[in-house]
Amino acid sequence: MSNRPTGLILDFGGVLTTPLLPAVLAFEQREGLPQGACLAALYKDEEGVRITSDLERGAVSQTEWNTFAGKMLGVSPDNLMGRIFGTLRPEPLMIAAAAAARRAGIKVGILSNSVGLAPWDLYDGYELERLYDVVVISEQHLLRKPDPELFEITLKLMGLPAAECVFVDDTAAYTEAAEKLGITGVHNQDPAQTVTALSELFGVDLAAA
């Protein structure tokens, strides 16, 4: 048992929430946009990638991002981030697993790339400060995943070495970045499978009620 990890670090969007892509596709459908329009404008276009990265680092505000993205997509900028991701819901299996981990004495932290906190707050209603031991939101540190320094900050706040931590993210590039630092990475593609994998790693049934 001494070789078991003692810390669990969770991404937020797409891990503690329902998947991001269906929310984006639903937004595109509501707005009459072609499927994939958001991906093309904001994650493949060079300028879109830059401003989205700047948003995650806190270099631009969500309102500024809304204005830029609204022009790129040809839609109203009014609360655009909230409209894109407004159908996200809590992912009960992962939230329950995190609670079970804490009850088992495992330290649980959040490491999330920000989408800005106003006018729309992705984290509203999730009680992160109460339910988790450490909360790291990228913009508050002027960094973004996969910057190694942001992982190092998280480890320092967790008070644990990399070798004792497991990191869960729905983006494979971010789990790979964590693994380069010695953190065990789990790529979340299906919550039930992720909970099973975590239960095996920690030696605790995290699916138990």
Protein backbone atom coordinates (compact mmCIF):
# COMPACT_ATOMS: atom_id res chain seq x y z
CA MET A 1 0.00 0.00 0.00
CA SER A 2 2.95 2.35 0.52
CA ASN A 3 3.35 2.59 -3.26
CA ARG A 4 -0.18 3.90 -3.72
CA PRO A 5 -0.60 7.55 -4.78
CA THR A 6 -1.93 9.93 -2.14
CA GLY A 7 -3.06 12.86 -4.29
CA LEU A 8 -5.65 13.21 -7.03
CA ILE A 9 -5.67 16.26 -9.30
CA LEU A 10 -8.71 16.78 -11.52
CA ASP A 11 -9.35 18.98 -14.51
CA PHE A 12 -12.74 20.68 -14.31
CA GLY A 13 -14.47 21.14 -17.68
CA GLY A 14 -15.04 17.74 -19.27
CA VAL A 15 -14.10 15.88 -16.07
CA LEU A 16 -16.29 17.24 -13.29
CA THR A 17 -18.74 18.39 -15.95
CA THR A 18 -20.39 16.62 -18.85
CA PRO A 19 -18.26 16.60 -22.06
CA LEU A 20 -17.49 19.89 -23.75
CA LEU A 21 -17.96 18.87 -27.39
CA PRO A 22 -21.72 18.08 -27.23
CA ALA A 23 -22.28 21.48 -25.59
CA VAL A 24 -20.39 23.21 -28.39
CA LEU A 25 -22.24 21.26 -31.10
CA ALA A 26 -25.58 22.12 -29.49
CA PHE A 27 -24.59 25.80 -29.45
CA GLU A 28 -23.68 25.67 -33.14
CA GLN A 29 -27.03 24.10 -33.95
CA ARG A 30 -28.94 26.71 -31.92
CA GLU A 31 -27.08 29.53 -33.65
CA GLY A 32 -27.46 28.05 -37.13
CA LEU A 33 -23.71 27.60 -37.52
CA PRO A 34 -22.14 24.77 -39.52
CA GLN A 35 -20.87 21.87 -37.42
CA GLY A 36 -17.26 22.47 -36.47
CA ALA A 37 -17.43 26.26 -36.82
CA CYS A 38 -16.23 26.87 -33.25
CA LEU A 39 -13.35 24.43 -33.57
CA ALA A 40 -12.22 26.00 -36.82
CA ALA A 41 -12.48 29.60 -35.59
CA LEU A 42 -11.12 29.26 -32.08
CA TYR A 43 -8.88 26.19 -31.94
CA LYS A 44 -7.45 25.91 -35.47
CA ASP A 45 -7.26 29.54 -36.60
CA GLU A 46 -3.93 31.03 -35.47
CA GLU A 47 -5.44 34.21 -34.05
CA GLY A 48 -8.26 32.28 -32.41
CA VAL A 49 -5.77 29.96 -30.72
CA ARG A 50 -3.76 32.96 -29.49
CA ILE A 51 -6.66 34.82 -27.91
CA THR A 52 -8.09 31.66 -26.36
CA SER A 53 -4.67 30.92 -24.84
CA ASP A 54 -4.51 34.52 -23.61
CA LEU A 55 -7.93 34.08 -22.01
CA GLU A 56 -6.76 30.96 -20.19
CA ARG A 57 -3.73 32.88 -18.88
CA GLY A 58 -5.84 35.84 -17.81
CA ALA A 59 -4.20 38.15 -20.37
CA VAL A 60 -7.59 39.03 -21.90
CA SER A 61 -11.00 39.13 -20.27
CA GLN A 62 -13.94 36.90 -21.09
CA THR A 63 -15.74 39.98 -22.44
CA GLU A 64 -12.85 40.69 -24.81
CA TRP A 65 -12.85 37.04 -25.88
CA ASN A 66 -16.63 37.18 -26.43
CA THR A 67 -16.21 40.19 -28.71
CA PHE A 68 -13.44 38.53 -30.73
CA ALA A 69 -15.18 35.16 -30.98
CA GLY A 70 -18.50 36.77 -31.87
CA LYS A 71 -16.87 38.45 -34.87
CA MET A 72 -15.10 35.23 -35.88
CA LEU A 73 -18.34 33.25 -35.73
CA GLY A 74 -20.68 35.98 -36.97
CA VAL A 75 -22.89 35.79 -33.87
CA SER A 76 -23.77 38.13 -31.03
CA PRO A 77 -20.96 38.51 -28.47
CA ASP A 78 -23.46 38.90 -25.61
CA ASN A 79 -22.49 36.32 -22.94
CA LEU A 80 -21.04 34.22 -25.74
CA MET A 81 -18.97 31.93 -23.50
CA GLY A 82 -22.03 31.25 -21.40
CA ARG A 83 -24.07 30.47 -24.49
CA ILE A 84 -21.44 28.07 -25.83
CA PHE A 85 -21.03 26.10 -22.61
CA GLY A 86 -24.32 26.83 -20.88
CA THR A 87 -25.62 23.28 -21.31
CA LEU A 88 -22.73 21.73 -19.36
CA ARG A 89 -23.91 19.87 -16.28
CA PRO A 90 -22.16 18.25 -13.31
CA GLU A 91 -20.74 14.78 -14.01
CA PRO A 92 -22.09 12.76 -11.05
CA LEU A 93 -19.73 9.78 -11.31
CA MET A 94 -16.59 11.91 -11.15
CA ILE A 95 -17.92 14.22 -8.46
CA ALA A 96 -18.90 11.23 -6.34
CA ALA A 97 -15.50 9.61 -6.95
CA ALA A 98 -13.71 12.75 -5.80
CA ALA A 99 -15.79 12.82 -2.63
CA ALA A 100 -15.07 9.13 -2.02
CA ALA A 101 -11.36 9.78 -2.48
CA ARG A 102 -11.39 12.52 0.13
CA ARG A 103 -13.27 10.29 2.56
CA ALA A 104 -10.51 7.72 2.04
CA GLY A 105 -7.88 10.26 3.04
CA ILE A 106 -6.72 11.10 -0.48
CA LYS A 107 -5.98 14.78 -1.09
CA VAL A 108 -8.02 16.04 -4.05
CA GLY A 109 -7.22 19.16 -6.05
CA ILE A 110 -8.60 20.96 -9.10
CA LEU A 111 -6.39 22.22 -11.95
CA SER A 112 -8.41 24.00 -14.60
CA ASN A 113 -7.69 26.20 -17.59
CA SER A 114 -9.91 29.23 -17.11
CA VAL A 115 -12.47 30.52 -19.59
CA GLY A 116 -12.74 33.74 -17.61
CA LEU A 117 -14.86 34.23 -14.52
CA ALA A 118 -17.18 37.05 -15.66
CA PRO A 119 -19.74 37.71 -16.94
CA TRP A 120 -20.21 33.92 -16.97
CA ASP A 121 -18.64 31.73 -14.31
CA LEU A 122 -18.06 28.12 -15.37
CA TYR A 123 -17.45 27.11 -11.76
CA ASP A 124 -20.57 28.65 -10.26
CA GLY A 125 -22.52 26.21 -8.10
CA TYR A 126 -19.79 23.56 -7.84
CA GLU A 127 -18.53 24.71 -4.40
CA LEU A 128 -14.93 24.03 -5.35
CA GLU A 129 -13.38 25.73 -2.34
CA ARG A 130 -15.51 23.68 0.04
CA LEU A 131 -15.37 20.30 -1.67
CA TYR A 132 -11.70 20.14 -2.72
CA ASP A 133 -8.41 20.59 -0.92
CA VAL A 134 -6.70 22.71 -3.57
CA VAL A 135 -8.18 24.79 -6.41
CA VAL A 136 -5.90 26.11 -9.15
CA ILE A 137 -7.57 28.21 -11.87
CA SER A 138 -5.07 29.06 -14.60
CA GLU A 139 -5.82 32.77 -15.00
CA GLN A 140 -5.14 33.40 -11.32
CA HIS A 141 -1.53 32.30 -11.91
CA LEU A 142 -1.07 33.91 -15.36
CA LEU A 143 -0.29 30.47 -16.76
CA ARG A 144 -2.17 27.74 -18.60
CA LYS A 145 -1.92 24.00 -19.03
CA PRO A 146 0.31 22.48 -20.34
CA ASP A 147 2.85 24.94 -18.82
CA PRO A 148 5.00 22.84 -16.45
CA GLU A 149 5.10 25.69 -13.95
CA LEU A 150 1.34 25.48 -13.44
CA PHE A 151 1.63 21.80 -12.58
CA GLU A 152 4.49 22.60 -10.21
CA ILE A 153 2.37 25.25 -8.48
CA THR A 154 -0.41 22.71 -8.07
CA LEU A 155 1.94 20.11 -6.59
CA LYS A 156 3.32 22.69 -4.15
CA LEU A 157 -0.18 23.61 -3.00
CA MET A 158 -1.06 19.93 -2.70
CA GLY A 159 2.06 19.47 -0.58
CA LEU A 160 2.89 16.29 -2.47
CA PRO A 161 5.62 15.15 -4.88
CA ALA A 162 4.73 14.38 -8.48
CA ALA A 163 5.25 10.65 -7.95
CA GLU A 164 2.43 10.56 -5.40
CA CYS A 165 -0.15 12.26 -7.61
CA VAL A 166 -2.56 11.24 -10.36
CA PHE A 167 -3.86 13.82 -12.84
CA VAL A 168 -7.11 13.40 -14.79
CA ASP A 169 -7.91 15.50 -17.86
CA ASP A 170 -10.09 15.12 -20.94
CA THR A 171 -7.24 16.51 -23.09
CA ALA A 172 -4.54 13.94 -23.77
CA ALA A 173 -1.86 16.59 -24.34
CA TYR A 174 -2.32 17.79 -20.76
CA THR A 175 -2.07 14.35 -19.19
CA GLU A 176 1.06 13.78 -21.28
CA ALA A 177 2.52 17.06 -19.98
CA ALA A 178 1.82 15.91 -16.42
CA GLU A 179 3.47 12.56 -17.06
CA LYS A 180 6.68 14.32 -18.18
CA LEU A 181 6.87 15.73 -14.65
CA GLY A 182 6.42 12.32 -13.05
CA ILE A 183 2.67 12.60 -12.37
CA THR A 184 0.53 9.60 -13.35
CA GLY A 185 -1.85 10.70 -16.10
CA VAL A 186 -5.36 9.40 -16.75
CA HIS A 187 -7.03 10.58 -19.97
CA ASN A 188 -10.74 10.86 -19.21
CA GLN A 189 -12.83 9.66 -22.14
CA ASP A 190 -15.56 7.86 -20.23
CA PRO A 191 -16.35 8.67 -16.58
CA ALA A 192 -17.12 5.06 -15.59
CA GLN A 193 -13.84 3.85 -17.08
CA THR A 194 -11.95 6.69 -15.41
CA VAL A 195 -13.43 5.86 -12.00
CA THR A 196 -12.46 2.22 -12.48
CA ALA A 197 -8.90 3.21 -13.42
CA LEU A 198 -8.61 5.52 -10.42
CA SER A 199 -9.99 2.88 -8.08
CA GLU A 200 -7.25 0.50 -9.24
CA LEU A 201 -4.52 3.12 -8.90
CA PHE A 202 -5.52 4.19 -5.39
CA GLY A 203 -6.64 0.78 -4.16
CA VAL A 204 -9.97 2.26 -3.09
CA ASP A 205 -13.42 1.65 -4.60
CA LEU A 206 -14.24 5.18 -5.71
CA ALA A 207 -17.54 4.04 -7.21
CA ALA A 208 -18.87 3.06 -3.79
CA ALA A 209 -21.78 5.16 -2.54
